[in-house]
Amino acid sequence: MGDDQVRDEDDHDLLTFAESGIRLREEIAAAEAELRPGPAAERQAALQARLSALTEALARNTRHAEASPGEKGFLDYAPPRPGRAADAEG
């Protein structure tokens, strides 16, 4: 997943791999910017931990997106309807 991802402003209710990647990159940039001026030691440790967690999350997101391009995942889920469970068991 590259840095050329663009927000899809029409999907306000969906967090896709692309949107989550964009959000993670924004949070990583914000954490890096906050680290630049050299915050106090206790704040720096927290920011470093956050930056590490965000970077790991972006790596996981990228792996999942590359492994399942175009996958809808939970979007294909159809909740059980009354009466259908009995039909499926039969």
N, C-alpha and C. Protein backbone atom coordinates (compact mmCIF):
# COMPACT_ATOMS: atom_id res chain seq x y z
N MET A 1 0.86 -1.17 0.00
CA MET A 1 0.00 0.00 0.00
C MET A 1 0.90 1.22 0.00
N GLY A 2 0.77 2.07 -0.99
CA GLY A 2 1.66 3.21 -1.11
C GLY A 2 1.14 4.45 -0.42
N ASP A 3 1.97 5.49 -0.47
CA ASP A 3 1.59 6.76 0.13
C ASP A 3 0.67 7.56 -0.77
N ASP A 4 0.31 7.01 -1.94
CA ASP A 4 -0.52 7.72 -2.88
C ASP A 4 -2.01 7.51 -2.62
N GLN A 5 -2.35 6.94 -1.47
CA GLN A 5 -3.75 6.71 -1.14
C GLN A 5 -4.48 8.03 -0.95
N VAL A 6 -5.72 8.07 -1.38
CA VAL A 6 -6.54 9.27 -1.28
C VAL A 6 -7.79 8.91 -0.52
N ARG A 7 -8.22 9.81 0.34
CA ARG A 7 -9.45 9.59 1.10
C ARG A 7 -10.64 9.50 0.17
N ASP A 8 -11.53 8.58 0.49
CA ASP A 8 -12.79 8.47 -0.23
C ASP A 8 -13.84 9.14 0.63
N GLU A 9 -14.13 10.38 0.35
CA GLU A 9 -15.03 11.17 1.17
C GLU A 9 -16.47 10.67 1.14
N ASP A 10 -16.79 9.74 0.23
CA ASP A 10 -18.15 9.21 0.15
C ASP A 10 -18.40 8.11 1.17
N ASP A 11 -17.35 7.50 1.71
CA ASP A 11 -17.49 6.40 2.66
C ASP A 11 -17.20 6.87 4.07
N HIS A 12 -18.13 7.60 4.66
CA HIS A 12 -17.92 8.13 6.00
C HIS A 12 -18.08 7.06 7.08
N ASP A 13 -18.74 5.97 6.76
CA ASP A 13 -19.01 4.95 7.76
C ASP A 13 -18.12 3.72 7.66
N LEU A 14 -17.21 3.69 6.69
CA LEU A 14 -16.36 2.52 6.50
C LEU A 14 -14.90 2.86 6.75
N LEU A 15 -14.23 1.99 7.47
CA LEU A 15 -12.79 2.14 7.68
C LEU A 15 -12.12 1.03 6.90
N THR A 16 -11.74 1.34 5.67
CA THR A 16 -11.11 0.37 4.79
C THR A 16 -9.62 0.30 5.09
N PHE A 17 -8.93 -0.67 4.45
CA PHE A 17 -7.48 -0.73 4.60
C PHE A 17 -6.86 0.59 4.16
N ALA A 18 -7.36 1.16 3.06
CA ALA A 18 -6.79 2.42 2.56
C ALA A 18 -6.99 3.55 3.56
N GLU A 19 -8.20 3.69 4.08
CA GLU A 19 -8.48 4.77 5.03
C GLU A 19 -7.71 4.57 6.32
N SER A 20 -7.64 3.33 6.81
CA SER A 20 -6.89 3.12 8.04
C SER A 20 -5.40 3.40 7.82
N GLY A 21 -4.88 3.06 6.63
CA GLY A 21 -3.49 3.38 6.32
C GLY A 21 -3.24 4.88 6.31
N ILE A 22 -4.18 5.62 5.74
CA ILE A 22 -4.07 7.08 5.71
C ILE A 22 -4.06 7.63 7.12
N ARG A 23 -5.00 7.17 7.94
CA ARG A 23 -5.09 7.66 9.32
C ARG A 23 -3.84 7.31 10.12
N LEU A 24 -3.33 6.09 9.93
CA LEU A 24 -2.12 5.69 10.65
C LEU A 24 -0.94 6.56 10.23
N ARG A 25 -0.79 6.82 8.92
CA ARG A 25 0.31 7.68 8.46
C ARG A 25 0.19 9.09 9.04
N GLU A 26 -1.03 9.61 9.14
CA GLU A 26 -1.23 10.93 9.73
C GLU A 26 -0.83 10.95 11.20
N GLU A 27 -1.20 9.90 11.93
CA GLU A 27 -0.85 9.82 13.35
C GLU A 27 0.65 9.64 13.54
N ILE A 28 1.29 8.87 12.67
CA ILE A 28 2.74 8.69 12.73
C ILE A 28 3.43 10.03 12.50
N ALA A 29 2.98 10.78 11.49
CA ALA A 29 3.56 12.09 11.20
C ALA A 29 3.38 13.04 12.38
N ALA A 30 2.21 13.00 13.02
CA ALA A 30 1.96 13.87 14.17
C ALA A 30 2.87 13.51 15.35
N ALA A 31 3.05 12.21 15.59
CA ALA A 31 3.92 11.78 16.69
C ALA A 31 5.37 12.16 16.40
N GLU A 32 5.80 11.99 15.14
CA GLU A 32 7.17 12.37 14.78
C GLU A 32 7.37 13.88 14.93
N ALA A 33 6.37 14.66 14.54
CA ALA A 33 6.48 16.12 14.67
C ALA A 33 6.56 16.53 16.13
N GLU A 34 5.81 15.84 16.98
CA GLU A 34 5.83 16.17 18.40
C GLU A 34 7.15 15.78 19.05
N LEU A 35 7.83 14.79 18.49
CA LEU A 35 9.12 14.36 19.03
C LEU A 35 10.27 15.30 18.62
N ARG A 36 10.13 16.00 17.50
CA ARG A 36 11.22 16.85 17.00
C ARG A 36 11.73 17.89 17.98
N PRO A 37 10.86 18.64 18.65
CA PRO A 37 11.41 19.67 19.54
C PRO A 37 12.05 19.14 20.82
N GLY A 38 12.05 17.84 21.01
CA GLY A 38 12.68 17.25 22.19
C GLY A 38 11.86 17.47 23.45
N PRO A 39 10.72 16.76 23.57
CA PRO A 39 9.86 16.91 24.75
C PRO A 39 10.55 16.40 26.02
N ALA A 40 9.95 16.67 27.14
CA ALA A 40 10.48 16.19 28.42
C ALA A 40 10.61 14.68 28.38
N ALA A 41 11.52 14.14 29.16
CA ALA A 41 11.86 12.71 29.12
C ALA A 41 10.64 11.81 29.28
N GLU A 42 9.77 12.12 30.25
CA GLU A 42 8.61 11.25 30.45
C GLU A 42 7.63 11.33 29.27
N ARG A 43 7.50 12.48 28.66
CA ARG A 43 6.64 12.64 27.48
C ARG A 43 7.30 11.97 26.27
N GLN A 44 8.60 12.06 26.18
CA GLN A 44 9.31 11.45 25.05
C GLN A 44 9.14 9.94 25.06
N ALA A 45 9.21 9.32 26.23
CA ALA A 45 9.04 7.87 26.32
C ALA A 45 7.64 7.47 25.85
N ALA A 46 6.63 8.22 26.26
CA ALA A 46 5.26 7.92 25.84
C ALA A 46 5.09 8.10 24.34
N LEU A 47 5.68 9.15 23.79
CA LEU A 47 5.58 9.40 22.35
C LEU A 47 6.32 8.32 21.56
N GLN A 48 7.48 7.90 22.06
CA GLN A 48 8.22 6.83 21.38
C GLN A 48 7.42 5.54 21.38
N ALA A 49 6.76 5.23 22.49
CA ALA A 49 5.94 4.03 22.58
C ALA A 49 4.76 4.12 21.61
N ARG A 50 4.13 5.30 21.54
CA ARG A 50 3.01 5.50 20.61
C ARG A 50 3.48 5.37 19.16
N LEU A 51 4.61 5.97 18.86
CA LEU A 51 5.15 5.91 17.51
C LEU A 51 5.45 4.45 17.12
N SER A 52 6.00 3.69 18.05
CA SER A 52 6.30 2.29 17.80
C SER A 52 5.02 1.50 17.55
N ALA A 53 3.99 1.72 18.36
CA ALA A 53 2.72 1.02 18.21
C ALA A 53 2.05 1.39 16.88
N LEU A 54 2.09 2.66 16.52
CA LEU A 54 1.50 3.10 15.25
C LEU A 54 2.22 2.49 14.06
N THR A 55 3.55 2.46 14.13
CA THR A 55 4.35 1.89 13.05
C THR A 55 4.05 0.40 12.88
N GLU A 56 3.93 -0.31 13.99
CA GLU A 56 3.59 -1.73 13.94
C GLU A 56 2.18 -1.93 13.37
N ALA A 57 1.25 -1.07 13.76
CA ALA A 57 -0.12 -1.16 13.24
C ALA A 57 -0.15 -0.92 11.73
N LEU A 58 0.64 0.04 11.27
CA LEU A 58 0.70 0.32 9.83
C LEU A 58 1.29 -0.88 9.08
N ALA A 59 2.29 -1.52 9.65
CA ALA A 59 2.88 -2.70 9.02
C ALA A 59 1.86 -3.83 8.94
N ARG A 60 1.09 -4.04 10.01
CA ARG A 60 0.04 -5.08 10.00
C ARG A 60 -1.02 -4.73 8.96
N ASN A 61 -1.46 -3.48 8.94
CA ASN A 61 -2.48 -3.03 8.00
C ASN A 61 -2.01 -3.27 6.56
N THR A 62 -0.75 -2.95 6.30
CA THR A 62 -0.20 -3.10 4.96
C THR A 62 -0.14 -4.58 4.57
N ARG A 63 0.29 -5.44 5.51
CA ARG A 63 0.33 -6.87 5.23
C ARG A 63 -1.06 -7.41 4.91
N HIS A 64 -2.06 -7.02 5.69
CA HIS A 64 -3.43 -7.49 5.47
C HIS A 64 -3.97 -6.98 4.14
N ALA A 65 -3.69 -5.74 3.81
CA ALA A 65 -4.18 -5.16 2.56
C ALA A 65 -3.53 -5.85 1.37
N GLU A 66 -2.24 -6.15 1.46
CA GLU A 66 -1.54 -6.81 0.36
C GLU A 66 -1.96 -8.27 0.22
N ALA A 67 -2.27 -8.91 1.33
CA ALA A 67 -2.67 -10.32 1.30
C ALA A 67 -4.09 -10.50 0.78
N SER A 68 -4.92 -9.49 0.95
CA SER A 68 -6.33 -9.59 0.56
C SER A 68 -6.78 -8.35 -0.19
N PRO A 69 -6.19 -8.06 -1.34
CA PRO A 69 -6.58 -6.84 -2.06
C PRO A 69 -8.05 -6.90 -2.48
N GLY A 70 -8.76 -5.85 -2.20
CA GLY A 70 -10.16 -5.76 -2.57
C GLY A 70 -11.11 -6.58 -1.72
N GLU A 71 -10.58 -7.22 -0.68
CA GLU A 71 -11.44 -8.04 0.18
C GLU A 71 -12.41 -7.16 0.94
N LYS A 72 -13.63 -7.62 1.03
CA LYS A 72 -14.66 -6.87 1.74
C LYS A 72 -14.76 -7.28 3.20
N GLY A 73 -14.37 -8.51 3.51
CA GLY A 73 -14.41 -8.97 4.89
C GLY A 73 -15.79 -8.92 5.48
N PHE A 74 -15.96 -8.17 6.57
CA PHE A 74 -17.23 -8.12 7.27
C PHE A 74 -18.35 -7.52 6.44
N LEU A 75 -18.02 -6.85 5.34
CA LEU A 75 -19.06 -6.25 4.52
C LEU A 75 -19.92 -7.31 3.84
N ASP A 76 -19.40 -8.53 3.70
CA ASP A 76 -20.16 -9.63 3.12
C ASP A 76 -21.05 -10.33 4.14
N TYR A 77 -20.91 -9.98 5.39
CA TYR A 77 -21.64 -10.64 6.46
C TYR A 77 -23.14 -10.38 6.34
N ALA A 78 -23.90 -11.44 6.40
CA ALA A 78 -25.36 -11.34 6.42
C ALA A 78 -25.83 -11.91 7.74
N PRO A 79 -26.43 -11.08 8.60
CA PRO A 79 -26.87 -11.59 9.89
C PRO A 79 -27.95 -12.65 9.72
N PRO A 80 -28.00 -13.61 10.65
CA PRO A 80 -29.02 -14.64 10.54
C PRO A 80 -30.41 -14.02 10.70
N ARG A 81 -31.34 -14.57 9.95
CA ARG A 81 -32.73 -14.09 10.04
C ARG A 81 -33.55 -15.16 10.75
N PRO A 82 -34.58 -14.75 11.45
CA PRO A 82 -35.44 -15.75 12.11
C PRO A 82 -35.94 -16.76 11.09
N GLY A 83 -35.85 -18.02 11.45
CA GLY A 83 -36.32 -19.09 10.58
C GLY A 83 -35.24 -19.63 9.65
N ARG A 84 -34.23 -18.84 9.34
CA ARG A 84 -33.17 -19.29 8.43
C ARG A 84 -32.22 -20.26 9.12
N ALA A 85 -31.99 -20.07 10.41
CA ALA A 85 -31.07 -20.95 11.13
C ALA A 85 -31.58 -22.39 11.09
N ALA A 86 -32.88 -22.57 11.26
CA ALA A 86 -33.46 -23.91 11.23
C ALA A 86 -33.31 -24.52 9.84
N ASP A 87 -33.47 -23.69 8.80
CA ASP A 87 -33.31 -24.17 7.44
C ASP A 87 -31.88 -24.62 7.17
N ALA A 88 -30.92 -23.88 7.69
CA ALA A 88 -29.51 -24.18 7.44
C ALA A 88 -29.09 -25.46 8.14
N GLU A 89 -29.68 -25.75 9.30
CA GLU A 89 -29.31 -26.94 10.06
C GLU A 89 -29.88 -28.21 9.45
N GLY A 90 -30.99 -28.10 8.76
CA GLY A 90 -31.72 -29.25 8.27
C GLY A 90 -31.07 -30.00 7.22
